[in-house]
Structures are given as structure tokens and as C-alpha cells.
């Protein structure tokens, strides 16, 4: 089975990830992520695959995807099973997704 890449997330010091509150920030490309978490501040970028996100969502995790990463995600999930909120207070726009309860 081919892995579906959604994008990247930033981690600092091994366990501290770039988040909006409790939501892990995922961007489709590293350049967008670099604007949010500059590499010179100690962040490293890791690839995010669809199967990891689905596992996390099933365990109650919450993710903020930029629009391109969200578009890839919604090609592979039934969005009605999740709560979805558009965070458009700042650029770029993010989409918060978590499992509906």
C-alpha cells in the first residue's frame, strides 16, 4: 500500500511540537511551516502520513491543517465523521479536524 503524504509538522527538542493550543499544526510544504516555526529556533521538520493522522484522530488527537494538506486529507476520509472548523483569523487559513463524539 502506498503511503499518502499530507505534509510536515515541526518538532523542537524531540517532544515539543508546533501547535495551535492542543492541535498539532500540519502544513503541506516546508516553506509555510518555516514561516510559523523557523528552523533557526531549533525546530526540525518531520513528514506526516495519512495513516499516522488517522491513528491519532482515532485516539482523540486534534490537527490544524493548512488548506492544501486539508484538501489531501478530505480526499481520503469521510468528513462527516469528524468535527471540522475553519480557522481563518490569520494567513494562512487552517482547518481544525478531530473525531466527532
PDB file of N, CA and C in Angstrom:
ATOM      1  N   UNK A   1       0.835  -1.173   0.000  1.00  0.00           N
ATOM      2  CA  UNK A   1       0.000   0.000   0.000  1.00  0.00           C
ATOM      3  C   UNK A   1       0.886   1.244   0.000  1.00  0.00           C
ATOM      4  N   UNK A   2       0.549   2.193  -0.852  1.00  0.00           N
ATOM      5  CA  UNK A   2       1.327   3.426  -0.958  1.00  0.00           C
ATOM      6  C   UNK A   2       0.985   4.371   0.194  1.00  0.00           C
ATOM      7  N   UNK A   3       2.017   4.956   0.796  1.00  0.00           N
ATOM      8  CA  UNK A   3       1.808   5.924   1.859  1.00  0.00           C
ATOM      9  C   UNK A   3       1.342   7.239   1.242  1.00  0.00           C
ATOM     10  N   UNK A   4       0.343   7.850   1.852  1.00  0.00           N
ATOM     11  CA  UNK A   4      -0.159   9.145   1.404  1.00  0.00           C
ATOM     12  C   UNK A   4       0.438  10.219   2.297  1.00  0.00           C
ATOM     13  N   UNK A   5       1.241  11.105   1.704  1.00  0.00           N
ATOM     14  CA  UNK A   5       1.887  12.174   2.460  1.00  0.00           C
ATOM     15  C   UNK A   5       0.962  13.385   2.507  1.00  0.00           C
ATOM     16  N   UNK A   6       0.674  13.852   3.721  1.00  0.00           N
ATOM     17  CA  UNK A   6      -0.151  15.047   3.896  1.00  0.00           C
ATOM     18  C   UNK A   6       0.694  16.303   3.963  1.00  0.00           C
ATOM     19  N   UNK A   7       1.884  16.196   4.508  1.00  0.00           N
ATOM     20  CA  UNK A   7       2.732  17.375   4.659  1.00  0.00           C
ATOM     21  C   UNK A   7       3.761  17.166   5.737  1.00  0.00           C
ATOM     22  N   UNK A   8       3.949  18.223   6.552  1.00  0.00           N
ATOM     23  CA  UNK A   8       5.010  18.229   7.548  1.00  0.00           C
ATOM     24  C   UNK A   8       4.519  18.844   8.852  1.00  0.00           C
ATOM     25  N   UNK A   9       5.192  18.487   9.936  1.00  0.00           N
ATOM     26  CA  UNK A   9       4.991  19.182  11.197  1.00  0.00           C
ATOM     27  C   UNK A   9       6.355  19.494  11.783  1.00  0.00           C
ATOM     28  N   UNK A  10       6.388  20.422  12.735  1.00  0.00           N
ATOM     29  CA  UNK A  10       7.650  20.861  13.327  1.00  0.00           C
ATOM     30  C   UNK A  10       7.753  20.369  14.758  1.00  0.00           C
ATOM     31  N   UNK A  11       8.935  19.868  15.093  1.00  0.00           N
ATOM     32  CA  UNK A  11       9.201  19.385  16.449  1.00  0.00           C
ATOM     33  C   UNK A  11      10.447  20.085  16.966  1.00  0.00           C
ATOM     34  N   UNK A  12      10.414  20.449  18.226  1.00  0.00           N
ATOM     35  CA  UNK A  12      11.561  21.089  18.863  1.00  0.00           C
ATOM     36  C   UNK A  12      11.917  20.279  20.099  1.00  0.00           C
ATOM     37  N   UNK A  13      13.174  19.966  20.276  1.00  0.00           N
ATOM     38  CA  UNK A  13      13.667  19.216  21.437  1.00  0.00           C
ATOM     39  C   UNK A  13      13.052  17.823  21.549  1.00  0.00           C
ATOM     40  N   UNK A  14      12.702  17.203  20.440  1.00  0.00           N
ATOM     41  CA  UNK A  14      12.252  15.824  20.440  1.00  0.00           C
ATOM     42  C   UNK A  14      10.798  15.582  20.775  1.00  0.00           C
ATOM     43  N   UNK A  15      10.217  16.363  21.677  1.00  0.00           N
ATOM     44  CA  UNK A  15       8.838  16.069  22.051  1.00  0.00           C
ATOM     45  C   UNK A  15       7.916  17.283  22.009  1.00  0.00           C
ATOM     46  N   UNK A  16       8.447  18.470  21.860  1.00  0.00           N
ATOM     47  CA  UNK A  16       7.628  19.676  21.843  1.00  0.00           C
ATOM     48  C   UNK A  16       7.340  20.039  20.394  1.00  0.00           C
ATOM     49  N   UNK A  17       6.091  19.895  19.972  1.00  0.00           N
ATOM     50  CA  UNK A  17       5.711  20.160  18.595  1.00  0.00           C
ATOM     51  C   UNK A  17       5.026  21.518  18.477  1.00  0.00           C
ATOM     52  N   UNK A  18       5.075  22.080  17.270  1.00  0.00           N
ATOM     53  CA  UNK A  18       4.377  23.332  16.998  1.00  0.00           C
ATOM     54  C   UNK A  18       2.876  23.059  16.978  1.00  0.00           C
ATOM     55  N   UNK A  19       2.138  23.723  17.861  1.00  0.00           N
ATOM     56  CA  UNK A  19       0.699  23.503  17.993  1.00  0.00           C
ATOM     57  C   UNK A  19      -0.025  24.836  18.064  1.00  0.00           C
ATOM     58  N   UNK A  20      -1.287  24.808  17.684  1.00  0.00           N
ATOM     59  CA  UNK A  20      -2.231  25.886  17.985  1.00  0.00           C
ATOM     60  C   UNK A  20      -3.047  25.354  19.150  1.00  0.00           C
ATOM     61  N   UNK A  21      -2.751  25.754  20.349  1.00  0.00           N
ATOM     62  CA  UNK A  21      -3.425  25.174  21.514  1.00  0.00           C
ATOM     63  C   UNK A  21      -3.093  23.703  21.614  1.00  0.00           C
ATOM     64  N   UNK A  22      -4.120  22.836  21.545  1.00  0.00           N
ATOM     65  CA  UNK A  22      -3.917  21.386  21.619  1.00  0.00           C
ATOM     66  C   UNK A  22      -3.784  20.744  20.246  1.00  0.00           C
ATOM     67  N   UNK A  23      -3.863  21.533  19.194  1.00  0.00           N
ATOM     68  CA  UNK A  23      -3.866  20.987  17.833  1.00  0.00           C
ATOM     69  C   UNK A  23      -2.484  21.005  17.200  1.00  0.00           C
ATOM     70  N   UNK A  24      -2.049  19.843  16.713  1.00  0.00           N
ATOM     71  CA  UNK A  24      -0.782  19.760  16.001  1.00  0.00           C
ATOM     72  C   UNK A  24      -0.923  20.467  14.656  1.00  0.00           C
ATOM     73  N   UNK A  25       0.009  21.336  14.334  1.00  0.00           N
ATOM     74  CA  UNK A  25      -0.020  22.095  13.080  1.00  0.00           C
ATOM     75  C   UNK A  25       0.641  21.272  11.982  1.00  0.00           C
ATOM     76  N   UNK A  26      -0.086  21.059  10.874  1.00  0.00           N
ATOM     77  CA  UNK A  26       0.411  20.314   9.721  1.00  0.00           C
ATOM     78  C   UNK A  26       0.275  21.200   8.486  1.00  0.00           C
ATOM     79  N   UNK A  27       1.385  21.383   7.757  1.00  0.00           N
ATOM     80  CA  UNK A  27       1.341  22.146   6.515  1.00  0.00           C
ATOM     81  C   UNK A  27       1.786  21.260   5.358  1.00  0.00           C
ATOM     82  N   UNK A  28       1.276  21.577   4.187  1.00  0.00           N
ATOM     83  CA  UNK A  28       1.568  20.773   3.004  1.00  0.00           C
ATOM     84  C   UNK A  28       3.023  20.911   2.551  1.00  0.00           C
ATOM     85  N   UNK A  29       3.613  22.073   2.783  1.00  0.00           N
ATOM     86  CA  UNK A  29       5.001  22.269   2.358  1.00  0.00           C
ATOM     87  C   UNK A  29       5.825  22.873   3.498  1.00  0.00           C
ATOM     88  N   UNK A  30       7.113  22.672   3.409  1.00  0.00           N
ATOM     89  CA  UNK A  30       8.008  23.137   4.474  1.00  0.00           C
ATOM     90  C   UNK A  30       8.115  24.652   4.526  1.00  0.00           C
ATOM     91  N   UNK A  31       7.957  25.339   3.392  1.00  0.00           N
ATOM     92  CA  UNK A  31       8.117  26.796   3.394  1.00  0.00           C
ATOM     93  C   UNK A  31       7.054  27.463   4.272  1.00  0.00           C
ATOM     94  N   UNK A  32       5.817  26.972   4.222  1.00  0.00           N
ATOM     95  CA  UNK A  32       4.773  27.519   5.093  1.00  0.00           C
ATOM     96  C   UNK A  32       5.107  27.240   6.549  1.00  0.00           C
ATOM     97  N   UNK A  33       5.578  26.050   6.818  1.00  0.00           N
ATOM     98  CA  UNK A  33       5.937  25.677   8.184  1.00  0.00           C
ATOM     99  C   UNK A  33       7.120  26.497   8.685  1.00  0.00           C
ATOM    100  N   UNK A  34       8.070  26.779   7.821  1.00  0.00           N
ATOM    101  CA  UNK A  34       9.236  27.578   8.223  1.00  0.00           C
ATOM    102  C   UNK A  34       8.824  28.973   8.670  1.00  0.00           C
ATOM    103  N   UNK A  35       7.783  29.526   8.047  1.00  0.00           N
ATOM    104  CA  UNK A  35       7.300  30.843   8.462  1.00  0.00           C
ATOM    105  C   UNK A  35       6.719  30.793   9.867  1.00  0.00           C
ATOM    106  N   UNK A  36       6.112  29.666  10.222  1.00  0.00           N
ATOM    107  CA  UNK A  36       5.498  29.510  11.536  1.00  0.00           C
ATOM    108  C   UNK A  36       6.485  29.043  12.596  1.00  0.00           C
ATOM    109  N   UNK A  37       7.458  28.227  12.199  1.00  0.00           N
ATOM    110  CA  UNK A  37       8.439  27.664  13.134  1.00  0.00           C
ATOM    111  C   UNK A  37       9.813  27.706  12.486  1.00  0.00           C
ATOM    112  N   UNK A  38      10.478  28.832  12.556  1.00  0.00           N
ATOM    113  CA  UNK A  38      11.782  28.963  11.898  1.00  0.00           C
ATOM    114  C   UNK A  38      12.783  27.912  12.376  1.00  0.00           C
ATOM    115  N   UNK A  39      13.482  27.318  11.414  1.00  0.00           N
ATOM    116  CA  UNK A  39      14.442  26.258  11.728  1.00  0.00           C
ATOM    117  C   UNK A  39      15.549  26.763  12.652  1.00  0.00           C
ATOM    118  N   UNK A  40      15.866  28.045  12.580  1.00  0.00           N
ATOM    119  CA  UNK A  40      16.933  28.564  13.443  1.00  0.00           C
ATOM    120  C   UNK A  40      16.507  28.635  14.905  1.00  0.00           C
ATOM    121  N   UNK A  41      15.262  28.375  15.206  1.00  0.00           N
ATOM    122  CA  UNK A  41      14.805  28.332  16.596  1.00  0.00           C
ATOM    123  C   UNK A  41      14.822  26.912  17.141  1.00  0.00           C
ATOM    124  N   UNK A  42      15.463  25.984  16.417  1.00  0.00           N
ATOM    125  CA  UNK A  42      15.623  24.635  16.924  1.00  0.00           C
ATOM    126  C   UNK A  42      14.577  23.633  16.475  1.00  0.00           C
ATOM    127  N   UNK A  43      13.701  24.005  15.541  1.00  0.00           N
ATOM    128  CA  UNK A  43      12.694  23.064  15.059  1.00  0.00           C
ATOM    129  C   UNK A  43      13.267  22.185  13.954  1.00  0.00           C
ATOM    130  N   UNK A  44      12.835  20.951  13.927  1.00  0.00           N
ATOM    131  CA  UNK A  44      13.112  20.052  12.803  1.00  0.00           C
ATOM    132  C   UNK A  44      11.764  19.673  12.216  1.00  0.00           C
ATOM    133  N   UNK A  45      11.764  19.346  10.935  1.00  0.00           N
ATOM    134  CA  UNK A  45      10.516  19.073  10.239  1.00  0.00           C
ATOM    135  C   UNK A  45      10.396  17.587   9.949  1.00  0.00           C
ATOM    136  N   UNK A  46       9.237  17.023  10.255  1.00  0.00           N
ATOM    137  CA  UNK A  46       9.006  15.606  10.033  1.00  0.00           C
ATOM    138  C   UNK A  46       7.811  15.429   9.117  1.00  0.00           C
ATOM    139  N   UNK A  47       7.868  14.397   8.298  1.00  0.00           N
ATOM    140  CA  UNK A  47       6.809  14.105   7.348  1.00  0.00           C
ATOM    141  C   UNK A  47       5.596  13.527   8.063  1.00  0.00           C
ATOM    142  N   UNK A  48       4.406  13.954   7.623  1.00  0.00           N
ATOM    143  CA  UNK A  48       3.147  13.462   8.182  1.00  0.00           C
ATOM    144  C   UNK A  48       2.452  12.628   7.116  1.00  0.00           C
ATOM    145  N   UNK A  49       2.146  11.392   7.473  1.00  0.00           N
ATOM    146  CA  UNK A  49       1.439  10.499   6.545  1.00  0.00           C
ATOM    147  C   UNK A  49       0.002  10.307   7.011  1.00  0.00           C
ATOM    148  N   UNK A  50      -0.874  10.025   6.057  1.00  0.00           N
ATOM    149  CA  UNK A  50      -2.293   9.847   6.331  1.00  0.00           C
ATOM    150  C   UNK A  50      -2.544   8.805   7.419  1.00  0.00           C
ATOM    151  N   UNK A  51      -1.878   7.659   7.363  1.00  0.00           N
ATOM    152  CA  UNK A  51      -2.152   6.614   8.343  1.00  0.00           C
ATOM    153  C   UNK A  51      -1.797   7.054   9.763  1.00  0.00           C
ATOM    154  N   UNK A  52      -0.774   7.907   9.931  1.00  0.00           N
ATOM    155  CA  UNK A  52      -0.444   8.422  11.260  1.00  0.00           C
ATOM    156  C   UNK A  52      -1.541   9.357  11.763  1.00  0.00           C
ATOM    157  N   UNK A  53      -2.047  10.197  10.871  1.00  0.00           N
ATOM    158  CA  UNK A  53      -3.112  11.126  11.253  1.00  0.00           C
ATOM    159  C   UNK A  53      -4.382  10.362  11.631  1.00  0.00           C
ATOM    160  N   UNK A  54      -4.736   9.356  10.837  1.00  0.00           N
ATOM    161  CA  UNK A  54      -5.940   8.576  11.150  1.00  0.00           C
ATOM    162  C   UNK A  54      -5.813   7.872  12.496  1.00  0.00           C
ATOM    163  N   UNK A  55      -4.626   7.332  12.785  1.00  0.00           N
ATOM    164  CA  UNK A  55      -4.383   6.717  14.099  1.00  0.00           C
ATOM    165  C   UNK A  55      -4.544   7.751  15.210  1.00  0.00           C
ATOM    166  N   UNK A  56      -3.958   8.931  15.011  1.00  0.00           N
ATOM    167  CA  UNK A  56      -4.055   9.996  16.008  1.00  0.00           C
ATOM    168  C   UNK A  56      -5.483  10.461  16.222  1.00  0.00           C
ATOM    169  N   UNK A  57      -6.212  10.643  15.128  1.00  0.00           N
ATOM    170  CA  UNK A  57      -7.616  11.060  15.245  1.00  0.00           C
ATOM    171  C   UNK A  57      -8.435  10.029  16.002  1.00  0.00           C
ATOM    172  N   UNK A  58      -8.192   8.749  15.746  1.00  0.00           N
ATOM    173  CA  UNK A  58      -8.915   7.679  16.440  1.00  0.00           C
ATOM    174  C   UNK A  58      -8.638   7.694  17.940  1.00  0.00           C
ATOM    175  N   UNK A  59      -7.458   8.176  18.311  1.00  0.00           N
ATOM    176  CA  UNK A  59      -7.086   8.260  19.730  1.00  0.00           C
ATOM    177  C   UNK A  59      -7.479   9.592  20.369  1.00  0.00           C
ATOM    178  N   UNK A  60      -8.164  10.448  19.613  1.00  0.00           N
ATOM    179  CA  UNK A  60      -8.641  11.712  20.168  1.00  0.00           C
ATOM    180  C   UNK A  60      -7.774  12.919  19.874  1.00  0.00           C
ATOM    181  N   UNK A  61      -6.748  12.774  19.056  1.00  0.00           N
ATOM    182  CA  UNK A  61      -5.886  13.903  18.721  1.00  0.00           C
ATOM    183  C   UNK A  61      -6.644  14.918  17.865  1.00  0.00           C
ATOM    184  N   UNK A  62      -6.111  16.107  17.811  1.00  0.00           N
ATOM    185  CA  UNK A  62      -6.699  17.201  17.051  1.00  0.00           C
ATOM    186  C   UNK A  62      -5.592  17.794  16.179  1.00  0.00           C
ATOM    187  N   UNK A  63      -5.912  18.105  14.937  1.00  0.00           N
ATOM    188  CA  UNK A  63      -4.920  18.614  13.996  1.00  0.00           C
ATOM    189  C   UNK A  63      -5.402  19.898  13.349  1.00  0.00           C
ATOM    190  N   UNK A  64      -4.468  20.811  13.085  1.00  0.00           N
ATOM    191  CA  UNK A  64      -4.740  22.000  12.283  1.00  0.00           C
ATOM    192  C   UNK A  64      -3.972  21.866  10.981  1.00  0.00           C
ATOM    193  N   UNK A  65      -4.704  21.715   9.875  1.00  0.00           N
ATOM    194  CA  UNK A  65      -4.100  21.543   8.553  1.00  0.00           C
ATOM    195  C   UNK A  65      -4.211  22.836   7.767  1.00  0.00           C
ATOM    196  N   UNK A  66      -3.138  23.208   7.049  1.00  0.00           N
ATOM    197  CA  UNK A  66      -3.309  24.299   6.108  1.00  0.00           C
ATOM    198  C   UNK A  66      -4.202  23.785   4.978  1.00  0.00           C
ATOM    199  N   UNK A  67      -4.702  24.673   4.132  1.00  0.00           N
ATOM    200  CA  UNK A  67      -5.686  24.279   3.120  1.00  0.00           C
ATOM    201  C   UNK A  67      -5.188  23.198   2.168  1.00  0.00           C
ATOM    202  N   UNK A  68      -3.960  23.277   1.626  1.00  0.00           N
ATOM    203  CA  UNK A  68      -3.513  22.193   0.735  1.00  0.00           C
ATOM    204  C   UNK A  68      -3.444  20.824   1.423  1.00  0.00           C
ATOM    205  N   UNK A  69      -2.962  20.766   2.661  1.00  0.00           N
ATOM    206  CA  UNK A  69      -2.905  19.489   3.384  1.00  0.00           C
ATOM    207  C   UNK A  69      -4.311  18.999   3.701  1.00  0.00           C
ATOM    208  N   UNK A  70      -5.217  19.913   4.041  1.00  0.00           N
ATOM    209  CA  UNK A  70      -6.604  19.541   4.314  1.00  0.00           C
ATOM    210  C   UNK A  70      -7.272  18.968   3.067  1.00  0.00           C
ATOM    211  N   UNK A  71      -6.990  19.553   1.919  1.00  0.00           N
ATOM    212  CA  UNK A  71      -7.575  19.053   0.669  1.00  0.00           C
ATOM    213  C   UNK A  71      -7.146  17.617   0.386  1.00  0.00           C
ATOM    214  N   UNK A  72      -5.884  17.287   0.667  1.00  0.00           N
ATOM    215  CA  UNK A  72      -5.416  15.903   0.501  1.00  0.00           C
ATOM    216  C   UNK A  72      -6.137  14.998   1.498  1.00  0.00           C
ATOM    217  N   UNK A  73      -6.243  15.442   2.743  1.00  0.00           N
ATOM    218  CA  UNK A  73      -6.907  14.649   3.778  1.00  0.00           C
ATOM    219  C   UNK A  73      -8.344  14.328   3.401  1.00  0.00           C
ATOM    220  N   UNK A  74      -9.098  15.328   2.950  1.00  0.00           N
ATOM    221  CA  UNK A  74     -10.518  15.087   2.698  1.00  0.00           C
ATOM    222  C   UNK A  74     -10.770  14.219   1.475  1.00  0.00           C
ATOM    223  N   UNK A  75      -9.744  13.979   0.647  1.00  0.00           N
ATOM    224  CA  UNK A  75      -9.863  13.013  -0.440  1.00  0.00           C
ATOM    225  C   UNK A  75      -9.905  11.580   0.092  1.00  0.00           C
ATOM    226  N   UNK A  76      -9.429  11.389   1.335  1.00  0.00           N
ATOM    227  CA  UNK A  76      -9.248  10.039   1.881  1.00  0.00           C
ATOM    228  C   UNK A  76     -10.114   9.719   3.097  1.00  0.00           C
ATOM    229  N   UNK A  77     -10.863  10.681   3.599  1.00  0.00           N
ATOM    230  CA  UNK A  77     -11.710  10.423   4.762  1.00  0.00           C
ATOM    231  C   UNK A  77     -13.140  10.853   4.473  1.00  0.00           C
ATOM    232  N   UNK A  78     -14.057  10.337   5.267  1.00  0.00           N
ATOM    233  CA  UNK A  78     -15.449  10.783   5.232  1.00  0.00           C
ATOM    234  C   UNK A  78     -15.552  11.905   6.263  1.00  0.00           C
ATOM    235  N   UNK A  79     -15.599  13.134   5.799  1.00  0.00           N
ATOM    236  CA  UNK A  79     -15.522  14.297   6.678  1.00  0.00           C
ATOM    237  C   UNK A  79     -16.671  14.355   7.687  1.00  0.00           C
ATOM    238  N   UNK A  80     -17.789  13.735   7.385  1.00  0.00           N
ATOM    239  CA  UNK A  80     -18.934  13.775   8.302  1.00  0.00           C
ATOM    240  C   UNK A  80     -18.653  13.060   9.619  1.00  0.00           C
ATOM    241  N   UNK A  81     -17.625  12.218   9.667  1.00  0.00           N
ATOM    242  CA  UNK A  81     -17.261  11.510  10.893  1.00  0.00           C
ATOM    243  C   UNK A  81     -16.400  12.365  11.827  1.00  0.00           C
ATOM    244  N   UNK A  82     -16.050  13.573  11.380  1.00  0.00           N
ATOM    245  CA  UNK A  82     -15.131  14.431  12.122  1.00  0.00           C
ATOM    246  C   UNK A  82     -15.741  15.814  12.316  1.00  0.00           C
ATOM    247  N   UNK A  83     -15.295  16.483  13.378  1.00  0.00           N
ATOM    248  CA  UNK A  83     -15.661  17.889  13.505  1.00  0.00           C
ATOM    249  C   UNK A  83     -14.620  18.683  12.733  1.00  0.00           C
ATOM    250  N   UNK A  84     -15.084  19.689  12.049  1.00  0.00           N
ATOM    251  CA  UNK A  84     -14.210  20.495  11.187  1.00  0.00           C
ATOM    252  C   UNK A  84     -14.540  21.960  11.420  1.00  0.00           C
ATOM    253  N   UNK A  85     -13.517  22.727  11.698  1.00  0.00           N
ATOM    254  CA  UNK A  85     -13.695  24.165  11.892  1.00  0.00           C
ATOM    255  C   UNK A  85     -12.623  24.905  11.116  1.00  0.00           C
ATOM    256  N   UNK A  86     -13.032  25.940  10.392  1.00  0.00           N
ATOM    257  CA  UNK A  86     -12.083  26.748   9.625  1.00  0.00           C
ATOM    258  C   UNK A  86     -11.552  27.843  10.534  1.00  0.00           C
ATOM    259  N   UNK A  87     -10.231  27.924  10.631  1.00  0.00           N
ATOM    260  CA  UNK A  87      -9.560  28.958  11.422  1.00  0.00           C
ATOM    261  C   UNK A  87      -8.998  29.976  10.444  1.00  0.00           C
ATOM    262  N   UNK A  88      -9.736  31.041  10.207  1.00  0.00           N
ATOM    263  CA  UNK A  88      -9.312  31.995   9.189  1.00  0.00           C
ATOM    264  C   UNK A  88      -8.960  33.362   9.760  1.00  0.00           C
ATOM    265  N   UNK A  89      -8.599  33.398  11.056  1.00  0.00           N
ATOM    266  CA  UNK A  89      -8.235  34.669  11.675  1.00  0.00           C
ATOM    267  C   UNK A  89      -6.926  35.222  11.122  1.00  0.00           C
ATOM    268  N   UNK A  90      -6.060  34.355  10.650  1.00  0.00           N
ATOM    269  CA  UNK A  90      -4.745  34.781  10.149  1.00  0.00           C
ATOM    270  C   UNK A  90      -4.408  33.993   8.895  1.00  0.00           C
ATOM    271  N   UNK A  91      -3.414  34.474   8.179  1.00  0.00           N
ATOM    272  CA  UNK A  91      -2.935  33.761   6.994  1.00  0.00           C
ATOM    273  C   UNK A  91      -1.787  32.861   7.408  1.00  0.00           C
ATOM    274  N   UNK A  92      -1.666  31.675   6.913  1.00  0.00           N
ATOM    275  CA  UNK A  92      -2.624  31.010   6.029  1.00  0.00           C
ATOM    276  C   UNK A  92      -3.815  30.472   6.823  1.00  0.00           C
ATOM    277  N   UNK A  93      -4.884  30.157   6.122  1.00  0.00           N
ATOM    278  CA  UNK A  93      -6.067  29.576   6.736  1.00  0.00           C
ATOM    279  C   UNK A  93      -5.785  28.127   7.142  1.00  0.00           C
ATOM    280  N   UNK A  94      -6.235  27.751   8.333  1.00  0.00           N
ATOM    281  CA  UNK A  94      -6.085  26.379   8.806  1.00  0.00           C
ATOM    282  C   UNK A  94      -7.460  25.756   9.021  1.00  0.00           C
ATOM    283  N   UNK A  95      -7.495  24.427   8.982  1.00  0.00           N
ATOM    284  CA  UNK A  95      -8.712  23.657   9.188  1.00  0.00           C
ATOM    285  C   UNK A  95      -8.478  22.732  10.374  1.00  0.00           C
ATOM    286  N   UNK A  96      -9.243  22.918  11.443  1.00  0.00           N
ATOM    287  CA  UNK A  96      -9.095  22.085  12.639  1.00  0.00           C
ATOM    288  C   UNK A  96      -9.999  20.855  12.474  1.00  0.00           C
ATOM    289  N   UNK A  97      -9.400  19.678  12.656  1.00  0.00           N
ATOM    290  CA  UNK A  97     -10.120  18.429  12.477  1.00  0.00           C
ATOM    291  C   UNK A  97      -9.890  17.545  13.695  1.00  0.00           C
ATOM    292  N   UNK A  98     -10.980  16.962  14.196  1.00  0.00           N
ATOM    293  CA  UNK A  98     -10.890  15.949  15.245  1.00  0.00           C
ATOM    294  C   UNK A  98     -12.094  15.031  15.091  1.00  0.00           C
ATOM    295  N   UNK A  99     -12.004  13.861  15.702  1.00  0.00           N
ATOM    296  CA  UNK A  99     -13.067  12.871  15.621  1.00  0.00           C
ATOM    297  C   UNK A  99     -14.318  13.407  16.309  1.00  0.00           C
ATOM    298  N   UNK A 100     -15.455  13.280  15.650  1.00  0.00           N
ATOM    299  CA  UNK A 100     -16.719  13.718  16.249  1.00  0.00           C
ATOM    300  C   UNK A 100     -17.103  12.758  17.365  1.00  0.00           C
ATOM    301  N   UNK A 101     -17.575  13.315  18.469  1.00  0.00           N
ATOM    302  CA  UNK A 101     -18.010  12.484  19.597  1.00  0.00           C
ATOM    303  C   UNK A 101     -19.461  12.728  19.905  1.00  0.00           C
TER     304      UNK A 101
END
